Amino acid sequence: MKKTLLSVFLTVVIFSVALAQNNVVISEIYYNDSGSPDTLEFLEFYNPSNNPLSLAGFTVADTIVLGGVVGLEKAIKKAGSKVKVPFTPGRGDATQEHTDVESFKVLEPLHDAFRNYVKKEYSVMPEELMLDKASLLGLSAKEMTCLIGGMRVLGTNYNDTKNGVFTDKIGVLTNDFFVHLTDMKYSWKPTGKNSYEIIERKNNKVKFKATRVDLVFGSNSVLRAYAEIYAQDDNKEKFVKDFVDVWTKIMNANFS
């Protein structure tokens, strides 16, 4: 369990190791690779300034979120925007003694549309599972659409798959997902029950790959309406602002 939790921590925080608020750098991370209770785990911080820094109240949970915030701001900056991502501290950590390791087995996700993941084929379609997940997160149809589009271009898919990554600039928070999704120069060709090829009509070449979750934002009338709004050239900044709003809502959900 320690390795699993810290692997998540590594994935997010190394996205950008600079802790923006205090100009502190995580210089070394060591987790219990052997699983032995005698092996210590630690984080090493480096303060490049001459000013003392208090780590009172520091938690790994806050650092995970802060690392994501810094990474998101970098993606926004690459897109040519100056939108800032707010950060609210105050999350707590659970100690190993207070963690029921066995209980986490039943919490293993079976699906996560936001990372384009589904464990296996179920009696309900992936896009229906997406609605269930969005409902649990308290997302509206607009928020769900915005979050999916942003997560795809940021390259957050499970196992680094390229399904739904409708962009040539992965890691940049652009509206490319919606631009290519609604562009009539492409046709959609099914290659399986939950897989499609996005083909350029002009030369019949495959440009992108997609799942049912990706394409429902082009086929469902309500979701397509939101997609077309975000696809507009003059709504690039609106998309970034809306994405930051829904991102912050998710990151702060445990506070409410």
Protein backbone atom coordinates (compact mmCIF):
# COMPACT_ATOMS: atom_id res chain seq x y z
CA MET A 1 0.00 0.00 0.00
CA LYS A 2 2.86 2.41 0.79
CA LYS A 3 4.35 1.88 -2.62
CA THR A 4 1.00 2.38 -4.32
CA LEU A 5 0.25 5.64 -2.51
CA LEU A 6 3.71 7.05 -3.07
CA SER A 7 3.67 6.01 -6.73
CA VAL A 8 0.60 8.20 -7.12
CA PHE A 9 2.48 10.93 -5.30
CA LEU A 10 5.46 10.57 -7.63
CA THR A 11 3.31 10.64 -10.74
CA VAL A 12 1.69 13.93 -9.83
CA VAL A 13 4.43 15.79 -8.00
CA ILE A 14 7.25 15.06 -10.43
CA PHE A 15 4.95 16.65 -12.98
CA SER A 16 6.61 19.72 -11.48
CA VAL A 17 8.78 19.45 -8.39
CA ALA A 18 8.93 23.17 -7.74
CA LEU A 19 6.64 24.08 -4.87
CA ALA A 20 5.64 27.44 -6.27
CA GLN A 21 4.40 29.13 -3.16
CA ASN A 22 7.70 28.92 -1.26
CA ASN A 23 10.20 28.27 -4.05
CA VAL A 24 11.05 24.94 -2.44
CA VAL A 25 12.32 21.98 -4.43
CA ILE A 26 11.76 18.31 -3.65
CA SER A 27 15.33 17.13 -4.21
CA GLU A 28 14.91 13.45 -3.31
CA ILE A 29 12.09 10.97 -2.80
CA TYR A 30 12.57 7.49 -1.36
CA TYR A 31 9.76 5.02 -0.83
CA ASN A 32 9.82 1.60 0.75
CA ASP A 33 10.65 -0.42 -2.36
CA SER A 34 11.39 -3.62 -0.46
CA GLY A 35 8.23 -3.48 1.59
CA SER A 36 10.22 -4.03 4.77
CA PRO A 37 8.93 -2.18 7.86
CA ASP A 38 12.55 -1.49 8.76
CA THR A 39 13.15 0.57 5.60
CA LEU A 40 12.50 4.27 6.09
CA GLU A 41 10.64 6.43 3.61
CA PHE A 42 11.41 10.09 3.23
CA LEU A 43 11.12 13.28 1.20
CA GLU A 44 14.08 15.65 1.00
CA PHE A 45 13.40 19.36 0.50
CA TYR A 46 15.84 22.01 -0.65
CA ASN A 47 15.28 25.67 0.13
CA PRO A 48 17.36 27.69 -2.37
CA SER A 49 16.63 30.97 -0.61
CA ASN A 50 18.24 32.44 2.50
CA ASN A 51 14.90 32.68 4.25
CA PRO A 52 13.88 30.12 6.88
CA LEU A 53 10.88 28.00 5.97
CA SER A 54 8.47 26.33 8.34
CA LEU A 55 7.02 22.97 7.31
CA ALA A 56 4.43 23.09 10.08
CA GLY A 57 1.17 21.74 8.75
CA PHE A 58 2.84 20.21 5.69
CA THR A 59 1.03 17.15 4.33
CA VAL A 60 1.69 14.82 1.41
CA ALA A 61 -1.94 15.26 0.34
CA ASP A 62 -1.48 19.01 -0.05
CA THR A 63 1.78 18.45 -1.94
CA ILE A 64 0.09 16.14 -4.42
CA VAL A 65 -2.54 18.76 -5.20
CA LEU A 66 0.01 21.59 -5.26
CA GLY A 67 2.21 19.62 -7.67
CA GLY A 68 -0.77 19.23 -9.97
CA VAL A 69 -1.56 22.94 -9.69
CA VAL A 70 1.97 23.90 -10.70
CA GLY A 71 1.92 21.43 -13.58
CA LEU A 72 -1.44 22.75 -14.76
CA GLU A 73 -0.19 26.33 -14.69
CA LYS A 74 2.75 25.28 -16.87
CA ALA A 75 0.34 23.69 -19.37
CA ILE A 76 -1.73 26.89 -19.35
CA LYS A 77 1.33 29.05 -19.91
CA LYS A 78 2.40 26.89 -22.86
CA ALA A 79 -1.03 27.56 -24.36
CA GLY A 80 -0.36 31.30 -24.22
CA SER A 81 -2.72 32.04 -21.35
CA LYS A 82 -2.03 33.75 -18.03
CA VAL A 83 -4.86 32.16 -16.05
CA LYS A 84 -3.77 31.23 -12.52
CA VAL A 85 -4.83 28.09 -10.68
CA PRO A 86 -5.90 28.65 -7.06
CA PHE A 87 -4.61 26.39 -4.29
CA THR A 88 -6.23 25.84 -0.90
CA PRO A 89 -4.18 23.95 1.73
CA GLY A 90 -5.57 21.99 4.67
CA ARG A 91 -5.72 18.34 3.58
CA GLY A 92 -4.68 15.69 6.07
CA ASP A 93 -2.66 12.49 5.73
CA ALA A 94 -3.56 9.06 7.05
CA THR A 95 -0.80 7.19 8.86
CA GLN A 96 0.02 3.60 7.98
CA GLU A 97 -1.42 2.53 11.33
CA HIS A 98 -4.73 4.18 10.46
CA THR A 99 -4.90 2.66 6.97
CA ASP A 100 -6.82 -0.56 6.36
CA VAL A 101 -4.78 -1.96 3.49
CA GLU A 102 -7.21 -4.76 2.67
CA SER A 103 -10.13 -2.35 2.28
CA PHE A 104 -8.43 -0.68 -0.68
CA LYS A 105 -8.92 -3.79 -2.82
CA VAL A 106 -12.64 -3.15 -3.12
CA LEU A 107 -11.94 0.50 -3.97
CA GLU A 108 -9.96 -0.38 -7.10
CA PRO A 109 -11.59 1.58 -9.93
CA LEU A 110 -13.46 -0.45 -12.54
CA HIS A 111 -13.73 2.53 -14.87
CA ASP A 112 -12.62 6.13 -15.14
CA ALA A 113 -13.76 7.97 -18.25
CA PHE A 114 -11.65 10.99 -17.35
CA ARG A 115 -8.54 8.87 -17.87
CA ASN A 116 -10.18 6.85 -20.66
CA TYR A 117 -10.06 3.65 -18.65
CA VAL A 118 -12.45 0.73 -18.39
CA LYS A 119 -11.25 -2.50 -16.77
CA LYS A 120 -13.32 -4.85 -18.92
CA GLU A 121 -16.51 -5.06 -20.92
CA TYR A 122 -19.65 -4.51 -18.86
CA SER A 123 -23.39 -4.71 -19.50
CA VAL A 124 -23.53 -0.90 -19.65
CA MET A 125 -21.63 1.21 -22.15
CA PRO A 126 -18.49 3.20 -21.17
CA GLU A 127 -20.26 6.51 -21.76
CA GLU A 128 -22.96 5.47 -19.29
CA LEU A 129 -20.29 4.62 -16.73
CA MET A 130 -18.88 8.10 -17.36
CA LEU A 131 -22.19 9.65 -16.34
CA ASP A 132 -22.15 7.65 -13.12
CA LYS A 133 -18.63 8.86 -12.30
CA ALA A 134 -19.49 12.47 -13.16
CA SER A 135 -22.57 12.29 -10.95
CA LEU A 136 -20.50 11.03 -8.01
CA LEU A 137 -18.15 13.98 -8.54
CA GLY A 138 -21.08 16.39 -8.62
CA LEU A 139 -20.31 17.57 -12.16
CA SER A 140 -22.75 19.22 -14.55
CA ALA A 141 -22.81 18.26 -18.25
CA LYS A 142 -20.76 21.37 -19.07
CA GLU A 143 -18.17 20.64 -16.37
CA MET A 144 -17.90 17.02 -17.46
CA THR A 145 -17.36 18.05 -21.08
CA CYS A 146 -14.73 20.62 -20.18
CA LEU A 147 -12.85 18.28 -17.85
CA ILE A 148 -12.74 15.43 -20.37
CA GLY A 149 -11.46 17.72 -23.14
CA GLY A 150 -8.74 19.15 -20.95
CA MET A 151 -7.62 15.84 -19.50
CA ARG A 152 -7.23 14.39 -22.99
CA VAL A 153 -4.92 17.11 -24.33
CA LEU A 154 -2.90 17.04 -21.09
CA GLY A 155 -2.13 13.39 -21.81
CA THR A 156 -3.51 11.89 -18.60
CA ASN A 157 -4.91 8.68 -20.10
CA TYR A 158 -4.48 5.43 -18.23
CA ASN A 159 -1.38 3.56 -19.37
CA ASP A 160 -0.52 6.51 -21.63
CA THR A 161 -2.92 5.41 -24.37
CA LYS A 162 -3.56 7.86 -27.20
CA ASN A 163 -7.32 7.31 -27.41
CA GLY A 164 -9.07 10.68 -27.53
CA VAL A 165 -5.81 12.62 -27.53
CA PHE A 166 -6.90 14.84 -30.42
CA THR A 167 -3.85 17.09 -30.45
CA ASP A 168 -0.27 17.29 -31.64
CA LYS A 169 0.66 19.35 -28.56
CA ILE A 170 0.24 16.95 -25.65
CA GLY A 171 0.70 18.64 -22.30
CA VAL A 172 -0.59 22.01 -23.49
CA LEU A 173 -4.05 23.08 -22.29
CA THR A 174 -5.62 23.86 -25.66
CA ASN A 175 -9.13 23.34 -27.00
CA ASP A 176 -7.77 20.95 -29.65
CA PHE A 177 -9.92 18.06 -28.44
CA PHE A 178 -13.08 19.95 -29.33
CA VAL A 179 -11.68 21.46 -32.52
CA HIS A 180 -10.85 18.06 -34.01
CA LEU A 181 -13.91 16.36 -32.55
CA THR A 182 -16.30 18.72 -34.36
CA ASP A 183 -14.26 19.13 -37.57
CA MET A 184 -16.16 17.64 -40.52
CA LYS A 185 -12.95 16.88 -42.38
CA TYR A 186 -12.77 13.71 -40.28
CA SER A 187 -14.89 10.56 -40.35
CA TRP A 188 -15.25 8.02 -37.55
CA LYS A 189 -14.58 4.37 -38.34
CA PRO A 190 -15.39 1.72 -35.69
CA THR A 191 -12.62 -0.85 -35.18
CA GLY A 192 -14.18 -2.63 -32.20
CA LYS A 193 -16.96 -2.33 -29.64
CA ASN A 194 -15.13 0.49 -27.87
CA SER A 195 -12.53 1.65 -30.38
CA TYR A 196 -12.58 3.98 -33.38
CA GLU A 197 -10.22 5.49 -35.90
CA ILE A 198 -10.53 9.17 -36.78
CA ILE A 199 -9.83 9.32 -40.51
CA GLU A 200 -9.08 12.32 -42.69
CA ARG A 201 -11.62 12.32 -45.52
CA LYS A 202 -9.17 13.94 -47.95
CA ASN A 203 -6.52 11.21 -47.94
CA ASN A 204 -8.23 8.41 -46.00
CA LYS A 205 -5.39 8.35 -43.46
CA VAL A 206 -5.84 7.67 -39.75
CA LYS A 207 -5.23 10.86 -37.73
CA PHE A 208 -6.39 9.88 -34.24
CA LYS A 209 -7.91 7.01 -32.27
CA ALA A 210 -10.87 7.22 -29.93
CA THR A 211 -13.28 5.41 -27.63
CA ARG A 212 -17.04 5.65 -27.22
CA VAL A 213 -16.50 8.08 -24.34
CA ASP A 214 -14.53 10.45 -26.59
CA LEU A 215 -17.00 10.42 -29.43
CA VAL A 216 -20.16 10.76 -27.36
CA PHE A 217 -19.22 14.44 -27.05
CA GLY A 218 -19.74 14.68 -30.78
CA SER A 219 -22.77 12.43 -31.14
CA ASN A 220 -24.95 13.43 -28.20
CA SER A 221 -26.79 16.66 -28.98
CA VAL A 222 -26.40 18.22 -25.52
CA LEU A 223 -22.72 17.36 -25.13
CA ARG A 224 -21.96 18.39 -28.70
CA ALA A 225 -23.46 21.81 -28.04
CA TYR A 226 -20.91 22.34 -25.27
CA ALA A 227 -18.15 20.88 -27.44
CA GLU A 228 -18.91 23.33 -30.24
CA ILE A 229 -18.77 26.24 -27.83
CA TYR A 230 -15.33 25.20 -26.62
CA ALA A 231 -14.16 24.54 -30.20
CA GLN A 232 -14.65 28.18 -31.23
CA ASP A 233 -11.48 30.19 -31.90
CA ASP A 234 -12.63 33.02 -29.65
CA ASN A 235 -13.39 30.68 -26.73
CA LYS A 236 -9.88 29.35 -26.07
CA GLU A 237 -9.55 31.51 -22.97
CA LYS A 238 -13.05 30.57 -21.81
CA PHE A 239 -12.10 26.90 -22.04
CA VAL A 240 -8.99 27.43 -19.93
CA LYS A 241 -10.92 29.38 -17.29
CA ASP A 242 -13.72 26.81 -17.18
CA PHE A 243 -11.20 23.97 -16.90
CA VAL A 244 -9.45 25.67 -13.99
CA ASP A 245 -12.84 26.13 -12.29
CA VAL A 246 -13.81 22.47 -12.57
CA TRP A 247 -10.27 21.31 -11.70
CA THR A 248 -10.39 23.41 -8.52
CA LYS A 249 -13.86 22.09 -7.71
CA ILE A 250 -12.57 18.50 -7.83
CA MET A 251 -9.39 19.28 -5.87
CA ASN A 252 -11.42 20.97 -3.12
CA ALA A 253 -14.30 18.50 -3.06
CA ASN A 254 -13.15 16.98 0.24
CA PHE A 255 -13.46 20.35 1.96
CA SER A 256 -17.21 20.60 1.52
